[in-house]
Amino acid sequence: MAETAKAPAGAGASEALTSRQKTVAFVTVLIALVLEVADSTIVNTALPEIRRVLDASPAAMQWIVAGYLLVLGSLLLLGGRLGDAFGYRRMFLIGVGAFVATSTLCGLAQTPEQLVIARLLQGAAGAMMGPQVMAIVQVLFTPLERVARLAWFGVVGGLAAILGPILGGLLIEVDLFGLGWRLIFLINLPIGLFALWLGIRTIPHTRGAHGLRIDMPGAALFAIGFAGVLLALIDGSEHGWPAWTLVSGLAGLAAIYAGWLRARARRRQDLPAMIEPMLFQLRTFRWGLLAILAFASAATGFLLVLAISLQQGLGKSPLQTALIHVPFSLGVMAGISLIGKRYLPRFGRWLLVCGAGVLASGGALSLALVASGDGGSPLLLGLLSLAGIGMGMVAGPLPPVVVADVDRVHAGTASATLRTAQQLGGALGVAVIGAAFFLAATDEGAGRLAGLAPASAVFVTLLLGSAIAALRLPADIFGTRSPGPR
């Protein structure tokens, strides 16, 4: 399948770059990815210290974590469209600069309210920066070249998420200059400024789509819709699904649907819209997006119940829990770098199906061992490594599959839609797998692990859904075989 004709949103600029210049530009956007992902998890280990120093309430503590994710997920689509309209380089640099500034505000906060507001602003900055990361890669590289490059997103992003809490604990322990918990935010300054300097020097200028304007009412509908759904998923699972969370979720879904109808109507009239409905006519985009949604739900929920079971069920410390995750992380890296990027062009959708099966088997057996009281045997570590390999076989290949046929003029919107699906999938996984776990678990003895069986069943079901969606992908995703009907 040939890629569609490319608009002047950076294709010519990328062709003028040497291989070394493209590599440096790629490293630059990887740094930004680390900043965004790590800041969603690094705060977790700092919460007790933040609560002590700022005398924060439980509600404030929850919003310090959830507020960032809520705003990030709600505004990703707007951030992607801004990149399409005004150029990915420009919006990337603005986003990185804003992320540095808001990280500084977080580090200087004197009250819980100030920190919550700064985290909300930090999430908005991440939403402006994040979609441009994948869009710039899409502009710089061909579809097959993206497989190897985007595979690194899975490796680096996964490591950033897993190592975030460990780094947070180490920074607080070091207590450099007496900054304590503030250092987890202030460390973004030198890293972000370095990324900003590199970006100015290396990322090619990209022109926005000619005449593309932002449909602000449509942007508001999608932002309100995603915020309502995410709020329901985040707070519902935390507070036992009170009625208001159900209302929030349904209202959010209604707003998203209204935004979709508005986008379709405006595109029929050749007016600017927040999303490009034609993207969903692409088989790779439509089914790949569904596969990512189910996969992100399964993966996030699995890691949640694994960490909780090891600590609350088996009494492991945060550091011991992190070390048990090391084989899993190594497996993810192997699955992405040694299997995913090498065999995706050859096996296509079957690699994704096989990866989902490996993750389901390794993950379910790992949870079964933990439920039996195993807190770190060689067998458990081996099964976690196997589960990590399966995750890498899916996490690395899926993003380049989703954008394989997307015209570069819509790179920002496609990237933002993909990231939004990942955010929604993660929140959904916490909600449904977490609910299955907590409904069956008790607070005493072995009962703390009783929820692992139903959680494992939901985990496997979600991966089955991801595999079914992957089977609907074209047989020859990247057009590497002789042309023919699919």
Protein backbone atom coordinates (compact mmCIF):
# COMPACT_ATOMS: atom_id res chain seq x y z
CA MET A 1 0.00 0.00 0.00
CA ALA A 2 1.58 3.24 -1.09
CA GLU A 3 1.60 6.19 1.26
CA THR A 4 -0.60 9.08 0.23
CA ALA A 5 0.90 12.18 -1.33
CA LYS A 6 2.63 14.37 1.20
CA ALA A 7 1.68 17.97 1.76
CA PRO A 8 4.33 20.61 2.32
CA ALA A 9 4.18 20.22 6.07
CA GLY A 10 7.86 19.43 6.33
CA ALA A 11 8.51 16.74 3.73
CA GLY A 12 10.88 18.93 1.73
CA ALA A 13 12.63 20.13 4.86
CA SER A 14 13.30 16.60 6.01
CA GLU A 15 14.80 15.59 2.67
CA ALA A 16 17.37 18.37 3.02
CA LEU A 17 18.66 16.94 6.32
CA THR A 18 21.56 14.52 6.64
CA SER A 19 21.15 11.22 8.46
CA ARG A 20 23.07 12.65 11.43
CA GLN A 21 20.84 15.72 11.60
CA LYS A 22 17.72 13.53 11.58
CA THR A 23 19.18 11.40 14.36
CA VAL A 24 19.89 14.43 16.55
CA ALA A 25 16.40 15.78 15.91
CA PHE A 26 14.99 12.38 16.86
CA VAL A 27 16.98 12.35 20.12
CA THR A 28 15.60 15.81 20.86
CA VAL A 29 11.98 14.71 20.67
CA LEU A 30 12.83 11.59 22.71
CA ILE A 31 14.02 13.88 25.52
CA ALA A 32 10.67 15.66 25.42
CA LEU A 33 8.88 12.31 25.57
CA VAL A 34 10.84 11.39 28.71
CA LEU A 35 9.86 14.68 30.35
CA GLU A 36 6.17 14.18 29.65
CA VAL A 37 5.96 10.51 30.63
CA ALA A 38 8.21 10.65 33.69
CA ASP A 39 6.26 13.55 35.17
CA SER A 40 3.13 11.41 35.21
CA THR A 41 4.78 8.90 37.59
CA ILE A 42 7.75 10.59 39.28
CA VAL A 43 5.45 12.43 41.67
CA ASN A 44 4.09 9.18 43.15
CA THR A 45 6.99 8.52 45.53
CA ALA A 46 7.12 12.20 46.51
CA LEU A 47 3.50 12.42 47.67
CA PRO A 48 4.11 11.63 51.36
CA GLU A 49 6.85 14.27 51.55
CA ILE A 50 4.72 16.81 49.68
CA ARG A 51 1.85 16.15 52.07
CA ARG A 52 4.12 16.65 55.09
CA VAL A 53 5.77 19.85 53.87
CA LEU A 54 2.69 21.54 52.39
CA ASP A 55 0.14 20.04 54.81
CA ALA A 56 -1.91 18.91 51.81
CA SER A 57 -5.31 17.24 52.15
CA PRO A 58 -6.02 13.81 50.60
CA ALA A 59 -8.11 15.51 47.90
CA ALA A 60 -5.22 17.84 47.03
CA MET A 61 -2.84 14.89 46.86
CA GLN A 62 -5.12 13.12 44.40
CA TRP A 63 -5.37 16.18 42.19
CA ILE A 64 -1.61 16.67 42.18
CA VAL A 65 -1.43 13.33 40.37
CA ALA A 66 -4.75 13.16 38.50
CA GLY A 67 -4.92 16.82 37.49
CA TYR A 68 -1.85 16.48 35.27
CA LEU A 69 -3.21 13.38 33.54
CA LEU A 70 -6.70 14.87 33.19
CA VAL A 71 -5.61 18.06 31.44
CA LEU A 72 -3.01 16.25 29.35
CA GLY A 73 -5.55 13.75 28.03
CA SER A 74 -8.22 16.39 27.48
CA LEU A 75 -6.08 18.76 25.40
CA LEU A 76 -3.97 16.36 23.33
CA LEU A 77 -6.31 16.66 20.35
CA LEU A 78 -6.13 20.44 20.43
CA GLY A 79 -2.34 20.27 20.70
CA GLY A 80 -2.18 18.05 17.63
CA ARG A 81 -4.40 20.34 15.60
CA LEU A 82 -2.31 23.36 16.59
CA GLY A 83 0.73 21.55 15.22
CA ASP A 84 -1.08 20.85 11.94
CA ALA A 85 -2.09 24.51 11.70
CA PHE A 86 1.06 26.34 12.80
CA GLY A 87 3.89 23.87 12.24
CA TYR A 88 5.18 21.03 14.39
CA ARG A 89 8.55 22.65 15.13
CA ARG A 90 6.95 25.87 16.36
CA MET A 91 4.42 24.12 18.60
CA PHE A 92 7.07 21.70 19.89
CA LEU A 93 9.34 24.54 20.98
CA ILE A 94 6.45 26.44 22.54
CA GLY A 95 5.36 23.28 24.36
CA VAL A 96 8.85 22.51 25.70
CA GLY A 97 9.28 26.11 26.85
CA ALA A 98 5.91 26.05 28.59
CA PHE A 99 6.73 22.70 30.20
CA VAL A 100 9.94 24.11 31.63
CA ALA A 101 8.10 27.18 32.95
CA THR A 102 5.29 25.20 34.55
CA SER A 103 7.74 22.71 36.05
CA THR A 104 9.43 25.69 37.70
CA LEU A 105 6.07 26.81 39.08
CA CYS A 106 5.54 23.31 40.50
CA GLY A 107 8.94 23.40 42.18
CA LEU A 108 8.32 26.84 43.68
CA ALA A 109 4.77 26.16 44.94
CA GLN A 110 4.20 27.20 48.55
CA THR A 111 0.71 25.79 49.07
CA PRO A 112 -1.16 22.69 47.91
CA GLU A 113 -3.48 24.88 45.83
CA GLN A 114 -0.54 26.46 44.02
CA LEU A 115 0.93 23.04 43.26
CA VAL A 116 -2.39 21.71 41.92
CA ILE A 117 -2.78 24.73 39.62
CA ALA A 118 0.83 24.40 38.44
CA ARG A 119 0.28 20.71 37.68
CA LEU A 120 -2.84 21.53 35.65
CA LEU A 121 -0.80 24.03 33.64
CA GLN A 122 1.98 21.47 33.27
CA GLY A 123 -0.51 19.02 31.80
CA ALA A 124 -1.63 21.66 29.29
CA ALA A 125 2.00 22.27 28.30
CA GLY A 126 2.50 18.52 27.86
CA ALA A 127 -0.55 18.40 25.60
CA MET A 128 1.00 21.07 23.36
CA MET A 129 4.38 19.34 23.30
CA GLY A 130 3.41 15.66 23.17
CA PRO A 131 1.60 15.36 19.81
CA GLN A 132 4.42 17.13 18.00
CA VAL A 133 6.88 14.43 19.07
CA MET A 134 5.39 11.70 16.89
CA ALA A 135 4.36 14.19 14.19
CA ILE A 136 7.99 15.31 13.78
CA VAL A 137 9.10 11.68 13.47
CA GLN A 138 6.41 11.15 10.85
CA VAL A 139 7.71 14.14 8.88
CA LEU A 140 11.36 13.10 9.16
CA PHE A 141 11.08 9.42 8.22
CA THR A 142 9.32 7.11 5.77
CA PRO A 143 6.71 4.60 7.05
CA LEU A 144 9.19 1.71 7.26
CA GLU A 145 11.87 3.92 8.83
CA ARG A 146 9.35 4.92 11.49
CA VAL A 147 9.06 1.32 12.69
CA ALA A 148 12.57 1.38 14.13
CA ARG A 149 12.33 5.00 15.35
CA LEU A 150 8.93 4.68 17.00
CA ALA A 151 10.03 1.42 18.59
CA TRP A 152 12.34 3.55 20.70
CA PHE A 153 9.30 5.45 21.91
CA GLY A 154 8.05 2.25 23.51
CA VAL A 155 11.45 1.49 25.09
CA VAL A 156 12.18 4.99 26.36
CA GLY A 157 8.59 5.80 27.30
CA GLY A 158 8.17 2.52 29.17
CA LEU A 159 11.44 2.97 31.04
CA ALA A 160 10.58 6.58 31.89
CA ALA A 161 7.24 5.49 33.38
CA ILE A 162 8.76 2.62 35.39
CA LEU A 163 11.90 4.47 36.52
CA GLY A 164 10.00 7.67 37.35
CA PRO A 165 9.02 6.60 40.90
CA ILE A 166 12.54 5.25 41.53
CA LEU A 167 14.15 8.50 40.39
CA GLY A 168 11.69 10.48 42.51
CA GLY A 169 12.69 8.53 45.61
CA LEU A 170 16.40 8.96 44.88
CA LEU A 171 16.10 12.72 44.31
CA ILE A 172 14.27 13.17 47.60
CA GLU A 173 16.85 11.01 49.39
CA VAL A 174 19.76 13.04 47.96
CA ASP A 175 17.99 16.29 48.98
CA LEU A 176 20.31 18.41 46.82
CA PHE A 177 20.58 22.01 48.15
CA GLY A 178 17.87 21.16 50.65
CA LEU A 179 15.24 21.22 47.89
CA GLY A 180 13.62 17.93 48.91
CA TRP A 181 10.55 17.03 46.83
CA ARG A 182 10.89 20.22 44.77
CA LEU A 183 13.82 18.69 42.92
CA ILE A 184 11.54 16.22 41.10
CA PHE A 185 10.10 19.21 39.23
CA LEU A 186 13.12 21.51 39.09
CA ILE A 187 15.23 18.81 37.44
CA ASN A 188 13.13 19.47 34.34
CA LEU A 189 14.78 22.88 33.93
CA PRO A 190 18.25 21.81 32.72
CA ILE A 191 16.83 18.87 30.75
CA GLY A 192 14.07 20.94 29.16
CA LEU A 193 16.35 23.87 28.33
CA PHE A 194 18.79 21.45 26.69
CA ALA A 195 15.96 19.97 24.62
CA LEU A 196 14.84 23.50 23.69
CA TRP A 197 18.36 24.43 22.56
CA LEU A 198 18.70 21.21 20.55
CA GLY A 199 15.26 21.68 19.02
CA ILE A 200 16.03 25.17 17.80
CA ARG A 201 19.22 23.91 16.16
CA THR A 202 18.11 20.58 14.71
CA ILE A 203 14.36 20.25 14.11
CA PRO A 204 13.45 21.31 10.55
CA HIS A 205 11.03 24.13 9.91
CA THR A 206 7.58 22.82 9.05
CA ARG A 207 4.80 24.86 7.52
CA GLY A 208 1.29 24.44 8.79
CA ALA A 209 -1.43 23.37 6.38
CA HIS A 210 -2.32 26.36 4.25
CA GLY A 211 -5.43 28.13 5.52
CA LEU A 212 -6.04 25.64 8.34
CA ARG A 213 -7.79 27.31 11.27
CA ILE A 214 -8.81 25.95 14.64
CA ASP A 215 -12.48 25.18 15.24
CA MET A 216 -12.66 26.41 18.83
CA PRO A 217 -16.24 25.21 19.57
CA GLY A 218 -15.20 21.78 18.31
CA ALA A 219 -12.04 21.96 20.43
CA ALA A 220 -14.17 22.79 23.48
CA LEU A 221 -16.52 19.85 22.85
CA PHE A 222 -13.68 17.35 22.62
CA ALA A 223 -11.81 18.84 25.61
CA ILE A 224 -14.94 18.77 27.79
CA GLY A 225 -15.80 15.30 26.56
CA PHE A 226 -12.41 13.73 27.24
CA ALA A 227 -12.20 15.55 30.59
CA GLY A 228 -15.59 14.13 31.61
CA VAL A 229 -14.67 10.58 30.65
CA LEU A 230 -11.21 10.73 32.25
CA LEU A 231 -12.59 12.31 35.42
CA ALA A 232 -15.17 9.53 35.70
CA LEU A 233 -12.56 6.81 35.15
CA ILE A 234 -9.98 8.33 37.51
CA ASP A 235 -12.30 9.32 40.36
CA GLY A 236 -14.88 6.56 39.86
CA SER A 237 -12.45 3.72 40.51
CA GLU A 238 -11.02 5.63 43.48
CA HIS A 239 -14.34 6.38 45.22
CA GLY A 240 -16.51 3.38 44.40
CA TRP A 241 -18.34 4.81 41.39
CA PRO A 242 -20.66 7.42 42.95
CA ALA A 243 -23.53 8.63 40.77
CA TRP A 244 -21.79 11.84 39.74
CA THR A 245 -18.93 9.91 38.10
CA LEU A 246 -21.43 8.00 35.95
CA VAL A 247 -23.08 11.28 34.95
CA SER A 248 -19.66 12.75 34.17
CA GLY A 249 -18.72 9.78 31.99
CA LEU A 250 -22.00 9.76 30.04
CA ALA A 251 -21.90 13.54 29.57
CA GLY A 252 -18.31 13.24 28.37
CA LEU A 253 -19.22 10.57 25.83
CA ALA A 254 -22.12 12.74 24.61
CA ALA A 255 -19.77 15.72 24.17
CA ILE A 256 -17.26 13.59 22.22
CA TYR A 257 -20.03 12.32 19.96
CA ALA A 258 -21.29 15.87 19.42
CA GLY A 259 -17.74 16.91 18.53
CA TRP A 260 -17.52 14.03 16.05
CA LEU A 261 -20.80 15.01 14.39
CA ARG A 262 -19.66 18.63 14.22
CA ALA A 263 -16.35 17.62 12.62
CA ARG A 264 -18.09 15.50 9.98
CA ALA A 265 -20.56 18.27 9.15
CA ARG A 266 -17.83 20.91 8.88
CA ARG A 267 -15.61 18.76 6.67
CA ARG A 268 -18.53 18.14 4.32
CA GLN A 269 -18.75 21.92 4.00
CA ASP A 270 -14.95 22.16 3.56
CA LEU A 271 -14.63 24.03 6.86
CA PRO A 272 -11.86 23.48 9.43
CA ALA A 273 -12.58 20.79 12.03
CA MET A 274 -10.84 19.51 15.14
CA ILE A 275 -10.38 16.04 13.69
CA GLU A 276 -10.13 14.70 10.17
CA PRO A 277 -12.93 12.12 9.74
CA MET A 278 -11.16 10.74 6.67
CA LEU A 279 -8.47 9.33 8.97
CA PHE A 280 -10.99 6.83 10.28
CA GLN A 281 -11.56 5.56 6.75
CA LEU A 282 -7.97 4.28 6.80
CA ARG A 283 -8.05 0.64 7.86
CA THR A 284 -4.68 0.83 9.58
CA PHE A 285 -5.69 3.91 11.57
CA ARG A 286 -9.17 2.73 12.58
CA TRP A 287 -8.32 -0.80 13.70
CA GLY A 288 -4.87 0.12 14.99
CA LEU A 289 -6.45 2.74 17.24
CA LEU A 290 -8.87 0.18 18.70
CA ALA A 291 -5.99 -2.24 19.24
CA ILE A 292 -4.03 0.44 21.09
CA LEU A 293 -7.01 1.37 23.27
CA ALA A 294 -7.53 -2.25 24.42
CA PHE A 295 -3.79 -2.90 24.74
CA ALA A 296 -3.15 0.22 26.84
CA SER A 297 -6.04 -0.74 29.12
CA ALA A 298 -4.65 -4.23 29.67
CA ALA A 299 -1.02 -3.15 30.14
CA THR A 300 -1.77 -0.29 32.57
CA GLY A 301 -4.18 -2.36 34.64
CA PHE A 302 -1.73 -5.27 34.82
CA LEU A 303 1.11 -3.10 36.12
CA LEU A 304 -1.23 -1.48 38.66
CA VAL A 305 -2.45 -4.71 40.29
CA LEU A 306 1.02 -6.27 40.13
CA ALA A 307 2.57 -3.37 42.07
CA ILE A 308 -0.27 -3.22 44.61
CA SER A 309 -0.21 -6.99 45.18
CA LEU A 310 3.54 -7.10 45.74
CA GLN A 311 3.44 -4.23 48.26
CA GLN A 312 0.12 -4.56 50.07
CA GLY A 313 -0.32 -8.30 49.61
CA LEU A 314 3.23 -9.58 50.06
CA GLY A 315 4.75 -6.70 52.03
CA LYS A 316 7.41 -5.71 49.50
CA SER A 317 8.97 -2.24 49.76
CA PRO A 318 8.72 0.22 46.83
CA LEU A 319 12.37 -0.45 45.97
CA GLN A 320 11.90 -4.24 46.08
CA THR A 321 8.81 -3.90 43.89
CA ALA A 322 10.74 -1.79 41.40
CA LEU A 323 13.55 -4.38 41.26
CA ILE A 324 11.03 -7.16 40.58
CA HIS A 325 9.89 -5.09 37.59
CA VAL A 326 13.40 -5.07 36.10
CA PRO A 327 13.04 -8.38 34.18
CA PHE A 328 9.74 -7.12 32.82
CA SER A 329 11.41 -3.91 31.61
CA LEU A 330 14.25 -5.85 30.01
CA GLY A 331 11.68 -8.04 28.29
CA VAL A 332 9.89 -4.98 26.92
CA MET A 333 13.16 -3.67 25.50
CA ALA A 334 13.92 -7.04 23.89
CA GLY A 335 10.41 -7.34 22.48
CA ILE A 336 10.63 -3.92 20.87
CA SER A 337 14.22 -3.77 19.68
CA LEU A 338 15.01 -7.41 18.87
CA ILE A 339 11.61 -8.66 17.69
CA GLY A 340 9.16 -5.85 16.96
CA LYS A 341 11.10 -3.61 14.62
CA ARG A 342 12.82 -6.56 12.91
CA TYR A 343 9.81 -8.74 12.16
CA LEU A 344 6.91 -6.30 11.83
CA PRO A 345 7.51 -5.68 8.08
CA ARG A 346 7.61 -9.45 7.50
CA PHE A 347 4.79 -10.74 9.71
CA GLY A 348 2.65 -7.61 10.08
CA ARG A 349 -0.55 -8.13 12.06
CA TRP A 350 0.42 -11.65 13.14
CA LEU A 351 3.32 -10.24 15.15
CA LEU A 352 0.81 -8.10 17.08
CA VAL A 353 -1.52 -11.05 17.65
CA CYS A 354 1.37 -13.23 18.83
CA GLY A 355 2.63 -10.46 21.13
CA ALA A 356 -0.80 -10.08 22.71
CA GLY A 357 -0.88 -13.83 23.31
CA VAL A 358 2.58 -13.88 24.87
CA LEU A 359 1.70 -10.95 27.14
CA ALA A 360 -1.60 -12.58 28.16
CA SER A 361 0.10 -15.89 28.99
CA GLY A 362 3.10 -14.45 30.80
CA GLY A 363 1.03 -11.84 32.64
CA ALA A 364 -1.74 -14.17 33.77
CA LEU A 365 0.72 -16.81 35.00
CA SER A 366 2.73 -14.12 36.82
CA LEU A 367 -0.38 -12.90 38.64
CA ALA A 368 -1.28 -16.49 39.51
CA LEU A 369 2.15 -17.01 41.10
CA VAL A 370 1.86 -13.76 43.08
CA ALA A 371 -1.60 -14.87 44.24
CA SER A 372 0.01 -18.07 45.57
CA GLY A 373 2.46 -16.01 47.64
CA ASP A 374 5.44 -15.96 45.27
CA GLY A 375 7.28 -12.68 45.79
CA GLY A 376 10.30 -13.05 43.53
CA SER A 377 11.19 -16.63 42.57
CA PRO A 378 13.19 -17.26 39.37
CA LEU A 379 10.01 -18.63 37.80
CA LEU A 380 8.10 -15.42 38.53
CA LEU A 381 10.93 -13.26 37.19
CA GLY A 382 11.09 -15.43 34.06
CA LEU A 383 7.35 -15.13 33.47
CA LEU A 384 7.51 -11.36 33.96
CA SER A 385 10.31 -11.24 31.41
CA LEU A 386 8.12 -13.24 29.01
CA ALA A 387 5.21 -10.87 29.62
CA GLY A 388 7.54 -7.94 28.93
CA ILE A 389 8.61 -9.47 25.62
CA GLY A 390 4.97 -9.78 24.62
CA MET A 391 4.31 -6.19 25.61
CA GLY A 392 7.26 -5.01 23.56
CA MET A 393 6.04 -6.97 20.52
CA VAL A 394 2.85 -4.91 20.63
CA ALA A 395 3.88 -1.58 22.15
CA GLY A 396 6.69 -0.94 19.67
CA PRO A 397 4.98 -1.86 16.37
CA LEU A 398 1.48 -0.47 17.00
CA PRO A 399 2.21 3.30 16.77
CA PRO A 400 3.90 3.12 13.34
CA VAL A 401 1.08 0.84 12.17
CA VAL A 402 -1.55 3.39 13.17
CA VAL A 403 0.10 6.23 11.23
CA ALA A 404 1.39 4.11 8.32
CA ASP A 405 -1.08 5.55 5.79
CA VAL A 406 -1.66 8.99 7.31
CA ASP A 407 -0.87 11.98 5.12
CA ARG A 408 1.85 14.06 6.73
CA VAL A 409 -0.40 17.12 6.64
CA HIS A 410 -2.50 15.40 9.34
CA ALA A 411 0.46 14.08 11.33
CA GLY A 412 -0.34 16.21 14.38
CA THR A 413 -3.99 15.21 14.54
CA ALA A 414 -3.18 11.52 13.99
CA SER A 415 -0.48 11.59 16.67
CA ALA A 416 -2.76 13.36 19.14
CA THR A 417 -5.60 10.91 18.49
CA LEU A 418 -3.24 8.00 19.08
CA ARG A 419 -1.95 9.53 22.33
CA THR A 420 -5.50 10.27 23.46
CA ALA A 421 -6.43 6.62 22.87
CA GLN A 422 -3.44 5.59 24.99
CA GLN A 423 -4.46 7.98 27.79
CA LEU A 424 -8.07 6.81 27.72
CA GLY A 425 -6.94 3.20 27.56
CA GLY A 426 -4.68 3.65 30.58
CA ALA A 427 -7.48 5.26 32.61
CA LEU A 428 -9.90 2.55 31.48
CA GLY A 429 -7.45 -0.17 32.51
CA VAL A 430 -7.04 1.33 35.99
CA ALA A 431 -10.83 1.54 36.27
CA VAL A 432 -11.91 -1.91 35.03
CA ILE A 433 -8.95 -4.08 36.09
CA GLY A 434 -8.57 -2.10 39.30
CA ALA A 435 -12.29 -2.49 40.04
CA ALA A 436 -12.14 -6.26 39.42
CA PHE A 437 -9.19 -6.47 41.80
CA PHE A 438 -10.52 -4.31 44.64
CA LEU A 439 -14.05 -5.72 44.57
CA ALA A 440 -12.74 -9.20 45.36
CA ALA A 441 -9.82 -8.25 47.61
CA THR A 442 -10.09 -7.87 51.39
CA ASP A 443 -7.91 -6.10 53.93
CA GLU A 444 -6.66 -9.16 55.76
CA GLY A 445 -4.10 -11.88 55.03
CA ALA A 446 -4.42 -13.85 51.82
CA GLY A 447 -7.65 -12.00 51.05
CA ARG A 448 -5.55 -9.06 49.86
CA LEU A 449 -4.59 -11.17 46.86
CA ALA A 450 -8.04 -12.60 46.18
CA GLY A 451 -8.71 -9.98 43.54
CA LEU A 452 -5.88 -11.15 41.28
CA ALA A 453 -7.97 -13.91 39.65
CA PRO A 454 -10.81 -11.63 38.41
CA ALA A 455 -8.30 -8.92 37.51
CA SER A 456 -6.35 -11.45 35.45
CA ALA A 457 -9.53 -12.51 33.64
CA VAL A 458 -10.29 -8.90 32.64
CA PHE A 459 -6.65 -8.42 31.62
CA VAL A 460 -6.76 -11.43 29.27
CA THR A 461 -10.13 -10.35 27.84
CA LEU A 462 -8.80 -6.90 26.96
CA LEU A 463 -5.79 -8.43 25.21
CA LEU A 464 -8.13 -10.71 23.28
CA GLY A 465 -9.96 -7.59 22.11
CA SER A 466 -6.65 -6.03 21.05
CA ALA A 467 -5.72 -9.17 19.10
CA ILE A 468 -9.10 -9.24 17.34
CA ALA A 469 -8.66 -5.59 16.30
CA ALA A 470 -5.13 -6.37 15.06
CA LEU A 471 -6.51 -9.19 12.90
CA ARG A 472 -8.64 -6.62 11.07
CA LEU A 473 -5.51 -4.78 9.92
CA PRO A 474 -4.36 -5.22 6.29
CA ALA A 475 -2.20 -8.24 5.63
CA ASP A 476 0.52 -6.07 4.02
CA ILE A 477 0.58 -2.98 6.25
CA PHE A 478 3.61 -1.23 4.74
CA GLY A 479 3.25 -2.31 1.12
CA THR A 480 6.37 -4.45 1.20
CA ARG A 481 4.84 -7.27 -0.83
CA SER A 482 3.53 -7.32 -4.35
CA PRO A 483 0.37 -5.28 -4.71
CA GLY A 484 -2.97 -7.00 -4.68
CA PRO A 485 -6.38 -6.93 -3.13
CA ARG A 486 -6.63 -7.19 0.69
